[in-house]
Amino acid sequence: MPVRELDGRPVWQRRTTRRQWAIWAGWLAGVMLFVWCWKLMTGRTIWAFVWDAPRQAADIGSRMLPPRWSYIDKLLWPLWDTLNIATLGTLLGIIIAVPVAFLAARNTTPSALFLRPVALFIIVASRSINSLIWALLLVSMIGPGLLAGIIAIGLRSIGFVGKLLYEAIEEIDESQVEAVRATGASGAQVLDYGIVPQILPAFAGISVFRWDINIRESTILGLVGAGGIGLQLQASLNTLAWPQVTMILLLVLGTVLVSEWVSAKVRHAVI
């Protein structure tokens, strides 16, 4: 910290004058950027709609109550489809992500010059594209239905599982691996006895956590034709059947709460 003299006595200062001016200049630039972005975003805003939004929200809310409980029998099968999309998509993502993670980890990749960059690119590409965009692309290519939703969830899961898993592989205790290797074990045996036992708890936790996330994501894939309860939600929204929309939202909320509870229990049991 800078120190200046005052009447022959040292006086402590938190910042130098130059640094203080630099901070103020940074704040000024940030405020100017915020004002410019605000004008850019609101340039075409129709403020009459904004001020009328609370009244419209209250009107729609009144139409959504009470929920149409009799509609629940038509939602059970789409909900089952949604759970299948999430589960099978998670399994697909895990099957692909596991070898990708081993190729991406520095301590297990056979080729740090070629295979590791390819594996990292797969992980980044998967994480960069949202599952809804994957679903849009797949519906265009293979048509609407559950298959598009399953593949979309799987492609999105590769990056999540792969990234967390390869980081867990890189953080293992190398002394245990060296101890197994010192016994004359083969490469497969080193992997089986030295690496896998160390990453198994992390792998289980990552997989269950991703499944929990995928249940939430799969509920909206039907909006773009990828199957599940989202199709019913889209149909109800198109016909302005607000009591049915409320019933669907309540069912989705209940499903997410149950999946969160199951995920927490499994992670606690494993980890």
C-alpha atoms as a PDB file:
ATOM      1  CA  MET A   1       0.000   0.000   0.000  1.00  0.00           C
ATOM      2  CA  PRO A   2       1.314   3.522  -0.793  1.00  0.00           C
ATOM      3  CA  VAL A   3       2.615   5.670   2.038  1.00  0.00           C
ATOM      4  CA  ARG A   4       2.958   9.456   1.886  1.00  0.00           C
ATOM      5  CA  GLU A   5       4.592  11.863   4.306  1.00  0.00           C
ATOM      6  CA  LEU A   6       2.519  14.362   6.338  1.00  0.00           C
ATOM      7  CA  ASP A   7       4.467  16.651   8.692  1.00  0.00           C
ATOM      8  CA  GLY A   8       7.270  14.170   8.666  1.00  0.00           C
ATOM      9  CA  ARG A   9       4.996  11.282   9.649  1.00  0.00           C
ATOM     10  CA  PRO A  10       4.085   8.388   7.298  1.00  0.00           C
ATOM     11  CA  VAL A  11       0.388   8.265   6.377  1.00  0.00           C
ATOM     12  CA  TRP A  12      -1.100   5.082   4.937  1.00  0.00           C
ATOM     13  CA  GLN A  13      -3.208   5.326   1.755  1.00  0.00           C
ATOM     14  CA  ARG A  14      -5.381   2.600   0.336  1.00  0.00           C
ATOM     15  CA  ARG A  15      -4.699   3.533  -3.285  1.00  0.00           C
ATOM     16  CA  THR A  16      -2.482   5.846  -5.236  1.00  0.00           C
ATOM     17  CA  THR A  17      -4.076   8.862  -6.912  1.00  0.00           C
ATOM     18  CA  ARG A  18      -3.517   7.349 -10.341  1.00  0.00           C
ATOM     19  CA  ARG A  19      -5.184   4.088  -9.336  1.00  0.00           C
ATOM     20  CA  GLN A  20      -8.133   5.961  -7.808  1.00  0.00           C
ATOM     21  CA  TRP A  21      -8.666   7.914 -11.017  1.00  0.00           C
ATOM     22  CA  ALA A  22      -8.469   4.673 -13.010  1.00  0.00           C
ATOM     23  CA  ILE A  23     -11.205   3.153 -10.843  1.00  0.00           C
ATOM     24  CA  TRP A  24     -13.446   6.186 -11.294  1.00  0.00           C
ATOM     25  CA  ALA A  25     -12.835   6.074 -15.052  1.00  0.00           C
ATOM     26  CA  GLY A  26     -13.821   2.396 -15.071  1.00  0.00           C
ATOM     27  CA  TRP A  27     -17.057   3.152 -13.203  1.00  0.00           C
ATOM     28  CA  LEU A  28     -17.841   5.989 -15.631  1.00  0.00           C
ATOM     29  CA  ALA A  29     -17.244   3.720 -18.624  1.00  0.00           C
ATOM     30  CA  GLY A  30     -19.496   1.067 -17.059  1.00  0.00           C
ATOM     31  CA  VAL A  31     -22.328   3.560 -16.497  1.00  0.00           C
ATOM     32  CA  MET A  32     -22.028   4.865 -20.053  1.00  0.00           C
ATOM     33  CA  LEU A  33     -22.106   1.312 -21.415  1.00  0.00           C
ATOM     34  CA  PHE A  34     -25.198   0.530 -19.323  1.00  0.00           C
ATOM     35  CA  VAL A  35     -27.001   3.650 -20.581  1.00  0.00           C
ATOM     36  CA  TRP A  36     -26.118   2.838 -24.199  1.00  0.00           C
ATOM     37  CA  CYS A  37     -27.303  -0.787 -23.823  1.00  0.00           C
ATOM     38  CA  TRP A  38     -30.512   0.364 -22.137  1.00  0.00           C
ATOM     39  CA  LYS A  39     -31.299   2.739 -25.017  1.00  0.00           C
ATOM     40  CA  LEU A  40     -30.496   0.006 -27.522  1.00  0.00           C
ATOM     41  CA  MET A  41     -32.771  -2.538 -25.827  1.00  0.00           C
ATOM     42  CA  THR A  42     -35.681  -0.191 -25.197  1.00  0.00           C
ATOM     43  CA  GLY A  43     -35.544   1.777 -28.440  1.00  0.00           C
ATOM     44  CA  ARG A  44     -38.470  -0.141 -29.930  1.00  0.00           C
ATOM     45  CA  THR A  45     -40.259  -0.950 -26.699  1.00  0.00           C
ATOM     46  CA  ILE A  46     -43.960  -0.096 -26.678  1.00  0.00           C
ATOM     47  CA  TRP A  47     -44.265   1.221 -23.154  1.00  0.00           C
ATOM     48  CA  ALA A  48     -48.052   1.153 -23.238  1.00  0.00           C
ATOM     49  CA  PHE A  49     -47.819  -2.658 -23.311  1.00  0.00           C
ATOM     50  CA  VAL A  50     -45.324  -2.616 -20.445  1.00  0.00           C
ATOM     51  CA  TRP A  51     -47.560  -0.499 -18.199  1.00  0.00           C
ATOM     52  CA  ASP A  52     -50.523  -2.714 -19.120  1.00  0.00           C
ATOM     53  CA  ALA A  53     -48.613  -5.942 -18.326  1.00  0.00           C
ATOM     54  CA  PRO A  54     -49.756  -6.231 -14.658  1.00  0.00           C
ATOM     55  CA  ARG A  55     -53.409  -6.032 -15.706  1.00  0.00           C
ATOM     56  CA  GLN A  56     -52.872  -8.627 -18.427  1.00  0.00           C
ATOM     57  CA  ALA A  57     -51.027 -10.915 -15.994  1.00  0.00           C
ATOM     58  CA  ALA A  58     -53.868 -10.630 -13.492  1.00  0.00           C
ATOM     59  CA  ASP A  59     -56.401 -11.403 -16.226  1.00  0.00           C
ATOM     60  CA  ILE A  60     -54.516 -14.525 -17.392  1.00  0.00           C
ATOM     61  CA  GLY A  61     -53.978 -15.595 -13.780  1.00  0.00           C
ATOM     62  CA  SER A  62     -57.700 -15.414 -13.107  1.00  0.00           C
ATOM     63  CA  ARG A  63     -58.370 -17.600 -16.164  1.00  0.00           C
ATOM     64  CA  MET A  64     -55.823 -20.197 -15.019  1.00  0.00           C
ATOM     65  CA  LEU A  65     -57.691 -20.906 -11.804  1.00  0.00           C
ATOM     66  CA  PRO A  66     -58.947 -23.357 -10.827  1.00  0.00           C
ATOM     67  CA  PRO A  67     -56.815 -26.034 -12.567  1.00  0.00           C
ATOM     68  CA  ARG A  68     -58.650 -28.559 -14.723  1.00  0.00           C
ATOM     69  CA  TRP A  69     -58.045 -31.646 -12.582  1.00  0.00           C
ATOM     70  CA  SER A  70     -59.974 -33.858 -14.994  1.00  0.00           C
ATOM     71  CA  TYR A  71     -57.253 -33.215 -17.579  1.00  0.00           C
ATOM     72  CA  ILE A  72     -54.625 -35.118 -15.605  1.00  0.00           C
ATOM     73  CA  ASP A  73     -55.501 -38.497 -17.145  1.00  0.00           C
ATOM     74  CA  LYS A  74     -54.409 -37.153 -20.541  1.00  0.00           C
ATOM     75  CA  LEU A  75     -51.060 -36.034 -19.124  1.00  0.00           C
ATOM     76  CA  LEU A  76     -49.818 -39.260 -17.552  1.00  0.00           C
ATOM     77  CA  TRP A  77     -48.607 -40.840 -20.791  1.00  0.00           C
ATOM     78  CA  PRO A  78     -46.881 -37.649 -22.047  1.00  0.00           C
ATOM     79  CA  LEU A  79     -45.258 -37.350 -18.614  1.00  0.00           C
ATOM     80  CA  TRP A  80     -44.003 -40.931 -18.947  1.00  0.00           C
ATOM     81  CA  ASP A  81     -42.580 -40.003 -22.350  1.00  0.00           C
ATOM     82  CA  THR A  82     -40.822 -37.027 -20.777  1.00  0.00           C
ATOM     83  CA  LEU A  83     -39.237 -39.236 -18.125  1.00  0.00           C
ATOM     84  CA  ASN A  84     -38.111 -41.676 -20.818  1.00  0.00           C
ATOM     85  CA  ILE A  85     -36.593 -38.849 -22.853  1.00  0.00           C
ATOM     86  CA  ALA A  86     -34.636 -37.652 -19.820  1.00  0.00           C
ATOM     87  CA  THR A  87     -33.505 -41.124 -18.746  1.00  0.00           C
ATOM     88  CA  LEU A  88     -32.565 -42.540 -22.143  1.00  0.00           C
ATOM     89  CA  GLY A  89     -30.983 -39.245 -23.192  1.00  0.00           C
ATOM     90  CA  THR A  90     -28.879 -39.245 -20.028  1.00  0.00           C
ATOM     91  CA  LEU A  91     -27.755 -42.820 -20.679  1.00  0.00           C
ATOM     92  CA  LEU A  92     -26.850 -41.951 -24.267  1.00  0.00           C
ATOM     93  CA  GLY A  93     -24.848 -38.939 -23.117  1.00  0.00           C
ATOM     94  CA  ILE A  94     -23.018 -40.954 -20.446  1.00  0.00           C
ATOM     95  CA  ILE A  95     -22.088 -43.739 -22.884  1.00  0.00           C
ATOM     96  CA  ILE A  96     -20.449 -41.214 -25.202  1.00  0.00           C
ATOM     97  CA  ALA A  97     -19.074 -38.915 -22.478  1.00  0.00           C
ATOM     98  CA  VAL A  98     -17.082 -41.556 -20.572  1.00  0.00           C
ATOM     99  CA  PRO A  99     -14.559 -42.372 -23.339  1.00  0.00           C
ATOM    100  CA  VAL A 100     -14.448 -38.691 -24.312  1.00  0.00           C
ATOM    101  CA  ALA A 101     -13.561 -37.786 -20.713  1.00  0.00           C
ATOM    102  CA  PHE A 102     -10.706 -40.311 -20.611  1.00  0.00           C
ATOM    103  CA  LEU A 103      -9.397 -38.936 -23.901  1.00  0.00           C
ATOM    104  CA  ALA A 104      -9.626 -35.364 -22.571  1.00  0.00           C
ATOM    105  CA  ALA A 105      -7.864 -35.978 -19.234  1.00  0.00           C
ATOM    106  CA  ARG A 106      -4.136 -35.248 -19.320  1.00  0.00           C
ATOM    107  CA  ASN A 107      -3.209 -38.295 -17.284  1.00  0.00           C
ATOM    108  CA  THR A 108      -5.210 -40.845 -19.315  1.00  0.00           C
ATOM    109  CA  THR A 109      -5.254 -39.589 -22.910  1.00  0.00           C
ATOM    110  CA  PRO A 110      -3.246 -41.674 -25.384  1.00  0.00           C
ATOM    111  CA  SER A 111      -2.372 -38.567 -27.406  1.00  0.00           C
ATOM    112  CA  ALA A 112      -2.144 -35.110 -25.844  1.00  0.00           C
ATOM    113  CA  LEU A 113      -1.319 -33.630 -29.242  1.00  0.00           C
ATOM    114  CA  PHE A 114      -4.253 -34.943 -31.278  1.00  0.00           C
ATOM    115  CA  LEU A 115      -6.886 -36.915 -29.334  1.00  0.00           C
ATOM    116  CA  ARG A 116      -7.093 -34.573 -26.344  1.00  0.00           C
ATOM    117  CA  PRO A 117      -7.906 -31.452 -28.433  1.00  0.00           C
ATOM    118  CA  VAL A 118     -10.540 -33.453 -30.335  1.00  0.00           C
ATOM    119  CA  ALA A 119     -12.132 -34.631 -27.072  1.00  0.00           C
ATOM    120  CA  LEU A 120     -12.096 -31.109 -25.627  1.00  0.00           C
ATOM    121  CA  PHE A 121     -13.702 -29.792 -28.808  1.00  0.00           C
ATOM    122  CA  ILE A 122     -16.516 -32.347 -28.479  1.00  0.00           C
ATOM    123  CA  ILE A 123     -17.100 -31.290 -24.871  1.00  0.00           C
ATOM    124  CA  VAL A 124     -17.120 -27.582 -25.702  1.00  0.00           C
ATOM    125  CA  ALA A 125     -19.366 -28.055 -28.741  1.00  0.00           C
ATOM    126  CA  SER A 126     -21.877 -30.036 -26.692  1.00  0.00           C
ATOM    127  CA  ARG A 127     -21.951 -27.478 -23.887  1.00  0.00           C
ATOM    128  CA  SER A 128     -22.213 -24.526 -26.274  1.00  0.00           C
ATOM    129  CA  ILE A 129     -25.509 -25.586 -27.857  1.00  0.00           C
ATOM    130  CA  ASN A 130     -28.652 -25.695 -25.754  1.00  0.00           C
ATOM    131  CA  SER A 131     -30.781 -28.832 -25.790  1.00  0.00           C
ATOM    132  CA  LEU A 132     -33.680 -26.853 -27.300  1.00  0.00           C
ATOM    133  CA  ILE A 133     -31.496 -25.910 -30.280  1.00  0.00           C
ATOM    134  CA  TRP A 134     -30.337 -29.514 -30.615  1.00  0.00           C
ATOM    135  CA  ALA A 135     -34.002 -30.543 -30.641  1.00  0.00           C
ATOM    136  CA  LEU A 136     -34.849 -27.988 -33.331  1.00  0.00           C
ATOM    137  CA  LEU A 137     -32.056 -29.302 -35.543  1.00  0.00           C
ATOM    138  CA  LEU A 138     -32.957 -32.951 -34.956  1.00  0.00           C
ATOM    139  CA  VAL A 139     -36.676 -32.419 -35.563  1.00  0.00           C
ATOM    140  CA  SER A 140     -35.731 -30.873 -38.901  1.00  0.00           C
ATOM    141  CA  MET A 141     -33.494 -33.836 -39.762  1.00  0.00           C
ATOM    142  CA  ILE A 142     -35.307 -36.923 -38.410  1.00  0.00           C
ATOM    143  CA  GLY A 143     -38.779 -35.546 -37.845  1.00  0.00           C
ATOM    144  CA  PRO A 144     -40.791 -34.895 -34.673  1.00  0.00           C
ATOM    145  CA  GLY A 145     -41.061 -37.466 -31.927  1.00  0.00           C
ATOM    146  CA  LEU A 146     -39.355 -38.936 -28.898  1.00  0.00           C
ATOM    147  CA  LEU A 147     -36.219 -39.984 -30.778  1.00  0.00           C
ATOM    148  CA  ALA A 148     -35.344 -36.384 -31.534  1.00  0.00           C
ATOM    149  CA  GLY A 149     -35.790 -35.487 -27.878  1.00  0.00           C
ATOM    150  CA  ILE A 150     -33.673 -38.390 -26.642  1.00  0.00           C
ATOM    151  CA  ILE A 151     -30.789 -37.578 -28.986  1.00  0.00           C
ATOM    152  CA  ALA A 152     -31.026 -33.861 -28.153  1.00  0.00           C
ATOM    153  CA  ILE A 153     -30.770 -34.579 -24.418  1.00  0.00           C
ATOM    154  CA  GLY A 154     -27.924 -37.009 -25.063  1.00  0.00           C
ATOM    155  CA  LEU A 155     -25.916 -34.555 -27.151  1.00  0.00           C
ATOM    156  CA  ARG A 156     -26.357 -31.861 -24.529  1.00  0.00           C
ATOM    157  CA  SER A 157     -25.324 -34.243 -21.718  1.00  0.00           C
ATOM    158  CA  ILE A 158     -22.010 -35.193 -23.329  1.00  0.00           C
ATOM    159  CA  GLY A 159     -20.397 -31.859 -22.545  1.00  0.00           C
ATOM    160  CA  PHE A 160     -21.665 -31.668 -18.959  1.00  0.00           C
ATOM    161  CA  VAL A 161     -20.722 -35.206 -17.963  1.00  0.00           C
ATOM    162  CA  GLY A 162     -17.508 -35.191 -19.996  1.00  0.00           C
ATOM    163  CA  LYS A 163     -16.163 -31.960 -18.515  1.00  0.00           C
ATOM    164  CA  LEU A 164     -16.839 -32.818 -14.876  1.00  0.00           C
ATOM    165  CA  LEU A 165     -15.631 -36.386 -15.321  1.00  0.00           C
ATOM    166  CA  TYR A 166     -12.338 -35.526 -17.015  1.00  0.00           C
ATOM    167  CA  GLU A 167     -11.641 -32.970 -14.275  1.00  0.00           C
ATOM    168  CA  ALA A 168     -12.286 -35.696 -11.688  1.00  0.00           C
ATOM    169  CA  ILE A 169      -9.887 -38.018 -13.562  1.00  0.00           C
ATOM    170  CA  GLU A 170      -7.153 -35.376 -13.541  1.00  0.00           C
ATOM    171  CA  GLU A 171      -7.554 -34.930  -9.770  1.00  0.00           C
ATOM    172  CA  ILE A 172      -7.037 -38.593  -8.810  1.00  0.00           C
ATOM    173  CA  ASP A 173      -4.262 -39.672  -6.469  1.00  0.00           C
ATOM    174  CA  GLU A 174      -1.446 -40.745  -8.787  1.00  0.00           C
ATOM    175  CA  SER A 175       0.292 -42.665  -6.017  1.00  0.00           C
ATOM    176  CA  GLN A 176      -2.472 -45.267  -6.072  1.00  0.00           C
ATOM    177  CA  VAL A 177      -2.091 -45.608  -9.830  1.00  0.00           C
ATOM    178  CA  GLU A 178       1.673 -46.020  -9.487  1.00  0.00           C
ATOM    179  CA  ALA A 179       1.180 -48.653  -6.788  1.00  0.00           C
ATOM    180  CA  VAL A 180      -1.050 -50.711  -9.091  1.00  0.00           C
ATOM    181  CA  ARG A 181       1.333 -50.218 -12.011  1.00  0.00           C
ATOM    182  CA  ALA A 182       4.287 -51.348  -9.853  1.00  0.00           C
ATOM    183  CA  THR A 183       2.681 -54.773  -9.449  1.00  0.00           C
ATOM    184  CA  GLY A 184       3.105 -55.344 -13.180  1.00  0.00           C
ATOM    185  CA  ALA A 185      -0.544 -54.739 -13.991  1.00  0.00           C
ATOM    186  CA  SER A 186      -1.566 -54.153 -17.592  1.00  0.00           C
ATOM    187  CA  GLY A 187      -3.048 -50.886 -18.820  1.00  0.00           C
ATOM    188  CA  ALA A 188      -6.587 -52.227 -18.474  1.00  0.00           C
ATOM    189  CA  GLN A 189      -5.870 -53.441 -14.943  1.00  0.00           C
ATOM    190  CA  VAL A 190      -4.393 -50.069 -13.974  1.00  0.00           C
ATOM    191  CA  LEU A 191      -7.547 -48.440 -15.260  1.00  0.00           C
ATOM    192  CA  ASP A 192      -9.773 -50.951 -13.484  1.00  0.00           C
ATOM    193  CA  TYR A 193      -8.028 -50.974 -10.097  1.00  0.00           C
ATOM    194  CA  GLY A 194      -6.206 -47.656  -9.949  1.00  0.00           C
ATOM    195  CA  ILE A 195      -8.408 -45.063 -11.649  1.00  0.00           C
ATOM    196  CA  VAL A 196     -12.015 -46.256 -11.785  1.00  0.00           C
ATOM    197  CA  PRO A 197     -12.432 -46.800  -8.010  1.00  0.00           C
ATOM    198  CA  GLN A 198     -11.267 -43.234  -7.385  1.00  0.00           C
ATOM    199  CA  ILE A 199     -13.660 -41.580  -9.832  1.00  0.00           C
ATOM    200  CA  LEU A 200     -16.661 -43.881  -9.301  1.00  0.00           C
ATOM    201  CA  PRO A 201     -18.342 -41.742  -6.576  1.00  0.00           C
ATOM    202  CA  ALA A 202     -17.878 -38.576  -8.652  1.00  0.00           C
ATOM    203  CA  PHE A 203     -19.171 -40.356 -11.748  1.00  0.00           C
ATOM    204  CA  ALA A 204     -22.313 -41.532  -9.952  1.00  0.00           C
ATOM    205  CA  GLY A 205     -22.989 -38.072  -8.548  1.00  0.00           C
ATOM    206  CA  ILE A 206     -22.442 -36.385 -11.923  1.00  0.00           C
ATOM    207  CA  SER A 207     -24.728 -38.855 -13.712  1.00  0.00           C
ATOM    208  CA  VAL A 208     -27.598 -38.493 -11.245  1.00  0.00           C
ATOM    209  CA  PHE A 209     -27.235 -34.712 -11.197  1.00  0.00           C
ATOM    210  CA  ARG A 210     -27.369 -34.598 -15.004  1.00  0.00           C
ATOM    211  CA  TRP A 211     -30.449 -36.832 -15.026  1.00  0.00           C
ATOM    212  CA  ASP A 212     -32.138 -34.403 -12.646  1.00  0.00           C
ATOM    213  CA  ILE A 213     -31.306 -31.496 -14.973  1.00  0.00           C
ATOM    214  CA  ASN A 214     -32.478 -33.417 -18.023  1.00  0.00           C
ATOM    215  CA  ILE A 215     -35.918 -34.013 -16.532  1.00  0.00           C
ATOM    216  CA  ARG A 216     -36.387 -30.257 -16.367  1.00  0.00           C
ATOM    217  CA  GLU A 217     -35.048 -29.697 -19.862  1.00  0.00           C
ATOM    218  CA  SER A 218     -37.081 -32.496 -21.425  1.00  0.00           C
ATOM    219  CA  THR A 219     -40.336 -30.891 -20.270  1.00  0.00           C
ATOM    220  CA  ILE A 220     -39.921 -28.080 -22.806  1.00  0.00           C
ATOM    221  CA  LEU A 221     -38.606 -30.062 -25.780  1.00  0.00           C
ATOM    222  CA  GLY A 222     -42.163 -30.798 -26.848  1.00  0.00           C
ATOM    223  CA  LEU A 223     -42.562 -27.104 -27.679  1.00  0.00           C
ATOM    224  CA  VAL A 224     -40.449 -27.734 -30.781  1.00  0.00           C
ATOM    225  CA  GLY A 225     -41.951 -31.144 -31.579  1.00  0.00           C
ATOM    226  CA  ALA A 226     -39.523 -33.404 -29.700  1.00  0.00           C
ATOM    227  CA  GLY A 227     -42.219 -35.249 -27.739  1.00  0.00           C
ATOM    228  CA  GLY A 228     -43.171 -35.365 -24.094  1.00  0.00           C
ATOM    229  CA  ILE A 229     -45.460 -33.236 -22.001  1.00  0.00           C
ATOM    230  CA  GLY A 230     -44.284 -30.118 -23.808  1.00  0.00           C
ATOM    231  CA  LEU A 231     -46.540 -31.083 -26.716  1.00  0.00           C
ATOM    232  CA  GLN A 232     -49.562 -30.905 -24.427  1.00  0.00           C
ATOM    233  CA  LEU A 233     -48.370 -27.578 -23.080  1.00  0.00           C
ATOM    234  CA  GLN A 234     -47.984 -26.174 -26.578  1.00  0.00           C
ATOM    235  CA  ALA A 235     -51.437 -27.408 -27.594  1.00  0.00           C
ATOM    236  CA  SER A 236     -53.029 -25.886 -24.486  1.00  0.00           C
ATOM    237  CA  LEU A 237     -51.279 -22.561 -25.046  1.00  0.00           C
ATOM    238  CA  ASN A 238     -52.362 -22.465 -28.691  1.00  0.00           C
ATOM    239  CA  THR A 239     -56.011 -22.974 -27.725  1.00  0.00           C
ATOM    240  CA  LEU A 240     -55.789 -20.586 -24.729  1.00  0.00           C
ATOM    241  CA  ALA A 241     -56.882 -23.412 -22.426  1.00  0.00           C
ATOM    242  CA  TRP A 242     -55.434 -21.774 -19.324  1.00  0.00           C
ATOM    243  CA  PRO A 243     -56.845 -24.236 -16.730  1.00  0.00           C
ATOM    244  CA  GLN A 244     -55.080 -27.022 -18.652  1.00  0.00           C
ATOM    245  CA  VAL A 245     -51.861 -24.988 -18.684  1.00  0.00           C
ATOM    246  CA  THR A 246     -52.082 -24.671 -14.899  1.00  0.00           C
ATOM    247  CA  MET A 247     -52.566 -28.416 -14.556  1.00  0.00           C
ATOM    248  CA  ILE A 248     -49.528 -29.101 -16.747  1.00  0.00           C
ATOM    249  CA  LEU A 249     -47.363 -26.641 -14.814  1.00  0.00           C
ATOM    250  CA  LEU A 250     -48.388 -28.179 -11.499  1.00  0.00           C
ATOM    251  CA  LEU A 251     -47.594 -31.663 -12.797  1.00  0.00           C
ATOM    252  CA  VAL A 252     -44.203 -30.515 -14.099  1.00  0.00           C
ATOM    253  CA  LEU A 253     -43.458 -28.831 -10.770  1.00  0.00           C
ATOM    254  CA  GLY A 254     -44.352 -31.984  -8.859  1.00  0.00           C
ATOM    255  CA  THR A 255     -42.207 -34.124 -11.154  1.00  0.00           C
ATOM    256  CA  VAL A 256     -39.207 -31.820 -10.757  1.00  0.00           C
ATOM    257  CA  LEU A 257     -39.579 -31.815  -6.982  1.00  0.00           C
ATOM    258  CA  VAL A 258     -39.685 -35.614  -6.879  1.00  0.00           C
ATOM    259  CA  SER A 259     -36.670 -35.885  -9.192  1.00  0.00           C
ATOM    260  CA  GLU A 260     -34.778 -33.393  -7.035  1.00  0.00           C
ATOM    261  CA  TRP A 261     -35.528 -35.486  -3.947  1.00  0.00           C
ATOM    262  CA  VAL A 262     -34.490 -38.736  -5.650  1.00  0.00           C
ATOM    263  CA  SER A 263     -31.319 -37.108  -6.997  1.00  0.00           C
ATOM    264  CA  ALA A 264     -30.353 -35.766  -3.578  1.00  0.00           C
ATOM    265  CA  LYS A 265     -30.943 -39.147  -1.916  1.00  0.00           C
ATOM    266  CA  VAL A 266     -28.905 -41.030  -4.511  1.00  0.00           C
ATOM    267  CA  ARG A 267     -26.020 -38.554  -4.401  1.00  0.00           C
ATOM    268  CA  HIS A 268     -25.986 -38.703  -0.603  1.00  0.00           C
ATOM    269  CA  ALA A 269     -25.996 -42.499  -0.655  1.00  0.00           C
ATOM    270  CA  VAL A 270     -23.205 -42.731  -3.220  1.00  0.00           C
ATOM    271  CA  ILE A 271     -20.982 -39.849  -2.209  1.00  0.00           C
END
